[in-house]
Amino acid sequence: MVALSRMTPPVMAKTKAQTKPKTVFSVLEATASAHAHNVALQQPLGGGKYRAWTWREYRDQVRQIAVGLREIGIQKGEIVALQSETRAEFYLADLAVMSSGFTPACHSPIRHTR
């Protein structure tokens, strides 16, 4: 399970330069600038402990993953398969895929409990 923080979006003054459409990554960058040290994601580790990512760490991890994907030769428009349980690392990878112009194809395995 991933716990997400709900935050008020940053207030930005409208200018003529802001006429281009927003992307998911541009919203992440604006949020990381406005709320750099606030918690963005939390991943339960068990025993009541969590691994937390601040908005700045979230943005930086997304950038690093995106660079890595491009370095291994994935090009804009290609489909990238992601298989993951619902966890913080999935959100990092998914946003890196989208922000690089790749198309995510996501699969989440279903756990059956008896």
C-alpha atoms as a PDB file:
ATOM      1  CA  MET A   1       0.000   0.000   0.000  1.00  0.00           C
ATOM      2  CA  VAL A   2       1.193   3.526  -0.763  1.00  0.00           C
ATOM      3  CA  ALA A   3       0.076   6.500   1.291  1.00  0.00           C
ATOM      4  CA  LEU A   4      -0.183   9.751  -0.656  1.00  0.00           C
ATOM      5  CA  SER A   5      -0.139  13.228   0.812  1.00  0.00           C
ATOM      6  CA  ARG A   6      -2.867  15.558  -0.349  1.00  0.00           C
ATOM      7  CA  MET A   7      -1.651  19.103  -0.812  1.00  0.00           C
ATOM      8  CA  THR A   8      -2.972  22.392  -2.015  1.00  0.00           C
ATOM      9  CA  PRO A   9      -1.569  23.021  -5.503  1.00  0.00           C
ATOM     10  CA  PRO A  10       0.946  25.869  -5.713  1.00  0.00           C
ATOM     11  CA  VAL A  11      -0.546  29.217  -6.647  1.00  0.00           C
ATOM     12  CA  MET A  12       1.061  30.471  -9.814  1.00  0.00           C
ATOM     13  CA  ALA A  13       0.612  33.897 -11.384  1.00  0.00           C
ATOM     14  CA  LYS A  14      -0.760  33.676 -14.907  1.00  0.00           C
ATOM     15  CA  THR A  15       1.528  35.161 -17.524  1.00  0.00           C
ATOM     16  CA  LYS A  16       1.693  35.122 -21.302  1.00  0.00           C
ATOM     17  CA  ALA A  17       4.561  32.620 -21.021  1.00  0.00           C
ATOM     18  CA  GLN A  18       2.197  30.196 -19.270  1.00  0.00           C
ATOM     19  CA  THR A  19       0.068  29.542 -22.322  1.00  0.00           C
ATOM     20  CA  LYS A  20       1.630  26.169 -23.102  1.00  0.00           C
ATOM     21  CA  PRO A  21      -0.198  23.138 -21.712  1.00  0.00           C
ATOM     22  CA  LYS A  22       0.883  21.662 -18.397  1.00  0.00           C
ATOM     23  CA  THR A  23       2.411  18.217 -18.294  1.00  0.00           C
ATOM     24  CA  VAL A  24       2.388  15.808 -15.377  1.00  0.00           C
ATOM     25  CA  PHE A  25       6.107  16.448 -14.900  1.00  0.00           C
ATOM     26  CA  SER A  26       5.708  20.249 -14.999  1.00  0.00           C
ATOM     27  CA  VAL A  27       3.127  19.956 -12.206  1.00  0.00           C
ATOM     28  CA  LEU A  28       5.562  17.748 -10.254  1.00  0.00           C
ATOM     29  CA  GLU A  29       8.330  20.333 -10.759  1.00  0.00           C
ATOM     30  CA  ALA A  30       6.095  23.175  -9.579  1.00  0.00           C
ATOM     31  CA  THR A  31       4.998  21.182  -6.539  1.00  0.00           C
ATOM     32  CA  ALA A  32       8.597  20.183  -5.730  1.00  0.00           C
ATOM     33  CA  SER A  33       9.602  23.844  -5.904  1.00  0.00           C
ATOM     34  CA  ALA A  34       6.753  25.020  -3.710  1.00  0.00           C
ATOM     35  CA  HIS A  35       6.785  22.131  -1.203  1.00  0.00           C
ATOM     36  CA  ALA A  36      10.306  20.690  -1.486  1.00  0.00           C
ATOM     37  CA  HIS A  37      10.552  19.323   2.055  1.00  0.00           C
ATOM     38  CA  ASN A  38       6.964  18.139   2.511  1.00  0.00           C
ATOM     39  CA  VAL A  39       6.268  14.418   2.289  1.00  0.00           C
ATOM     40  CA  ALA A  40       4.915  13.323  -1.107  1.00  0.00           C
ATOM     41  CA  LEU A  41       4.893   9.521  -0.828  1.00  0.00           C
ATOM     42  CA  GLN A  42       5.128   6.992   1.972  1.00  0.00           C
ATOM     43  CA  GLN A  43       5.813   3.296   1.574  1.00  0.00           C
ATOM     44  CA  PRO A  44       4.981   1.026   4.513  1.00  0.00           C
ATOM     45  CA  LEU A  45       7.966  -1.085   5.555  1.00  0.00           C
ATOM     46  CA  GLY A  46       6.166  -3.086   8.223  1.00  0.00           C
ATOM     47  CA  GLY A  47       6.162  -2.804  11.973  1.00  0.00           C
ATOM     48  CA  GLY A  48       4.630   0.668  11.767  1.00  0.00           C
ATOM     49  CA  LYS A  49       7.642   2.053   9.878  1.00  0.00           C
ATOM     50  CA  TYR A  50       7.541   3.959   6.579  1.00  0.00           C
ATOM     51  CA  ARG A  51       9.992   5.082   3.905  1.00  0.00           C
ATOM     52  CA  ALA A  52       9.058   8.625   2.909  1.00  0.00           C
ATOM     53  CA  TRP A  53       9.944  10.685  -0.169  1.00  0.00           C
ATOM     54  CA  THR A  54       9.709  14.470  -0.106  1.00  0.00           C
ATOM     55  CA  TRP A  55       8.422  16.270  -3.183  1.00  0.00           C
ATOM     56  CA  ARG A  56      12.021  17.172  -4.093  1.00  0.00           C
ATOM     57  CA  GLU A  57      13.161  13.540  -3.720  1.00  0.00           C
ATOM     58  CA  TYR A  58      10.159  12.392  -5.761  1.00  0.00           C
ATOM     59  CA  ARG A  59      11.069  14.777  -8.610  1.00  0.00           C
ATOM     60  CA  ASP A  60      14.762  13.865  -8.454  1.00  0.00           C
ATOM     61  CA  GLN A  61      14.059  10.113  -8.509  1.00  0.00           C
ATOM     62  CA  VAL A  62      11.697  10.531 -11.472  1.00  0.00           C
ATOM     63  CA  ARG A  63      14.434  12.434 -13.343  1.00  0.00           C
ATOM     64  CA  GLN A  64      17.042   9.742 -12.583  1.00  0.00           C
ATOM     65  CA  ILE A  65      14.773   6.927 -13.748  1.00  0.00           C
ATOM     66  CA  ALA A  66      13.846   8.861 -16.907  1.00  0.00           C
ATOM     67  CA  VAL A  67      17.527   9.411 -17.742  1.00  0.00           C
ATOM     68  CA  GLY A  68      18.242   5.721 -17.172  1.00  0.00           C
ATOM     69  CA  LEU A  69      15.428   4.685 -19.511  1.00  0.00           C
ATOM     70  CA  ARG A  70      16.731   6.990 -22.245  1.00  0.00           C
ATOM     71  CA  GLU A  71      20.308   5.748 -21.702  1.00  0.00           C
ATOM     72  CA  ILE A  72      19.263   2.151 -22.369  1.00  0.00           C
ATOM     73  CA  GLY A  73      17.819   3.255 -25.700  1.00  0.00           C
ATOM     74  CA  ILE A  74      14.105   3.692 -25.137  1.00  0.00           C
ATOM     75  CA  GLN A  75      12.777   6.364 -27.469  1.00  0.00           C
ATOM     76  CA  LYS A  76       9.815   8.733 -27.374  1.00  0.00           C
ATOM     77  CA  GLY A  77       6.590   6.961 -28.294  1.00  0.00           C
ATOM     78  CA  GLU A  78       7.776   3.485 -27.314  1.00  0.00           C
ATOM     79  CA  ILE A  79       5.753   1.382 -24.891  1.00  0.00           C
ATOM     80  CA  VAL A  80       7.353   0.543 -21.543  1.00  0.00           C
ATOM     81  CA  ALA A  81       5.853  -2.306 -19.521  1.00  0.00           C
ATOM     82  CA  LEU A  82       5.696  -1.828 -15.777  1.00  0.00           C
ATOM     83  CA  GLN A  83       4.777  -4.700 -13.502  1.00  0.00           C
ATOM     84  CA  SER A  84       4.433  -3.789  -9.885  1.00  0.00           C
ATOM     85  CA  GLU A  85       2.312  -4.072  -6.838  1.00  0.00           C
ATOM     86  CA  THR A  86       0.860  -0.789  -5.671  1.00  0.00           C
ATOM     87  CA  ARG A  87       3.880   0.810  -4.049  1.00  0.00           C
ATOM     88  CA  ALA A  88       5.800   4.087  -4.089  1.00  0.00           C
ATOM     89  CA  GLU A  89       8.413   2.838  -6.548  1.00  0.00           C
ATOM     90  CA  PHE A  90       5.662   2.207  -9.102  1.00  0.00           C
ATOM     91  CA  TYR A  91       4.645   5.874  -8.996  1.00  0.00           C
ATOM     92  CA  LEU A  92       8.268   6.945  -9.462  1.00  0.00           C
ATOM     93  CA  ALA A  93       8.715   4.667 -12.482  1.00  0.00           C
ATOM     94  CA  ASP A  94       5.306   5.437 -14.013  1.00  0.00           C
ATOM     95  CA  LEU A  95       5.881   9.190 -13.887  1.00  0.00           C
ATOM     96  CA  ALA A  96       9.401   8.765 -15.318  1.00  0.00           C
ATOM     97  CA  VAL A  97       7.958   6.797 -18.232  1.00  0.00           C
ATOM     98  CA  MET A  98       5.247   9.377 -18.927  1.00  0.00           C
ATOM     99  CA  SER A  99       7.504  12.401 -18.513  1.00  0.00           C
ATOM    100  CA  SER A 100       9.935  10.981 -21.062  1.00  0.00           C
ATOM    101  CA  GLY A 101       7.271  10.681 -23.745  1.00  0.00           C
ATOM    102  CA  PHE A 102       7.033   6.912 -23.448  1.00  0.00           C
ATOM    103  CA  THR A 103       3.732   5.064 -23.090  1.00  0.00           C
ATOM    104  CA  PRO A 104       3.328   3.076 -19.868  1.00  0.00           C
ATOM    105  CA  ALA A 105       1.677  -0.342 -20.034  1.00  0.00           C
ATOM    106  CA  CYS A 106       1.010  -1.189 -16.414  1.00  0.00           C
ATOM    107  CA  HIS A 107       0.244  -4.551 -14.897  1.00  0.00           C
ATOM    108  CA  SER A 108      -0.447  -5.079 -11.242  1.00  0.00           C
ATOM    109  CA  PRO A 109      -0.424  -8.698 -10.107  1.00  0.00           C
ATOM    110  CA  ILE A 110      -3.434  -9.763  -8.104  1.00  0.00           C
ATOM    111  CA  ARG A 111      -2.773 -11.449  -4.799  1.00  0.00           C
ATOM    112  CA  HIS A 112      -5.174 -14.151  -3.779  1.00  0.00           C
ATOM    113  CA  THR A 113      -5.376 -14.787  -0.075  1.00  0.00           C
ATOM    114  CA  ARG A 114      -6.870 -17.923   1.396  1.00  0.00           C
END
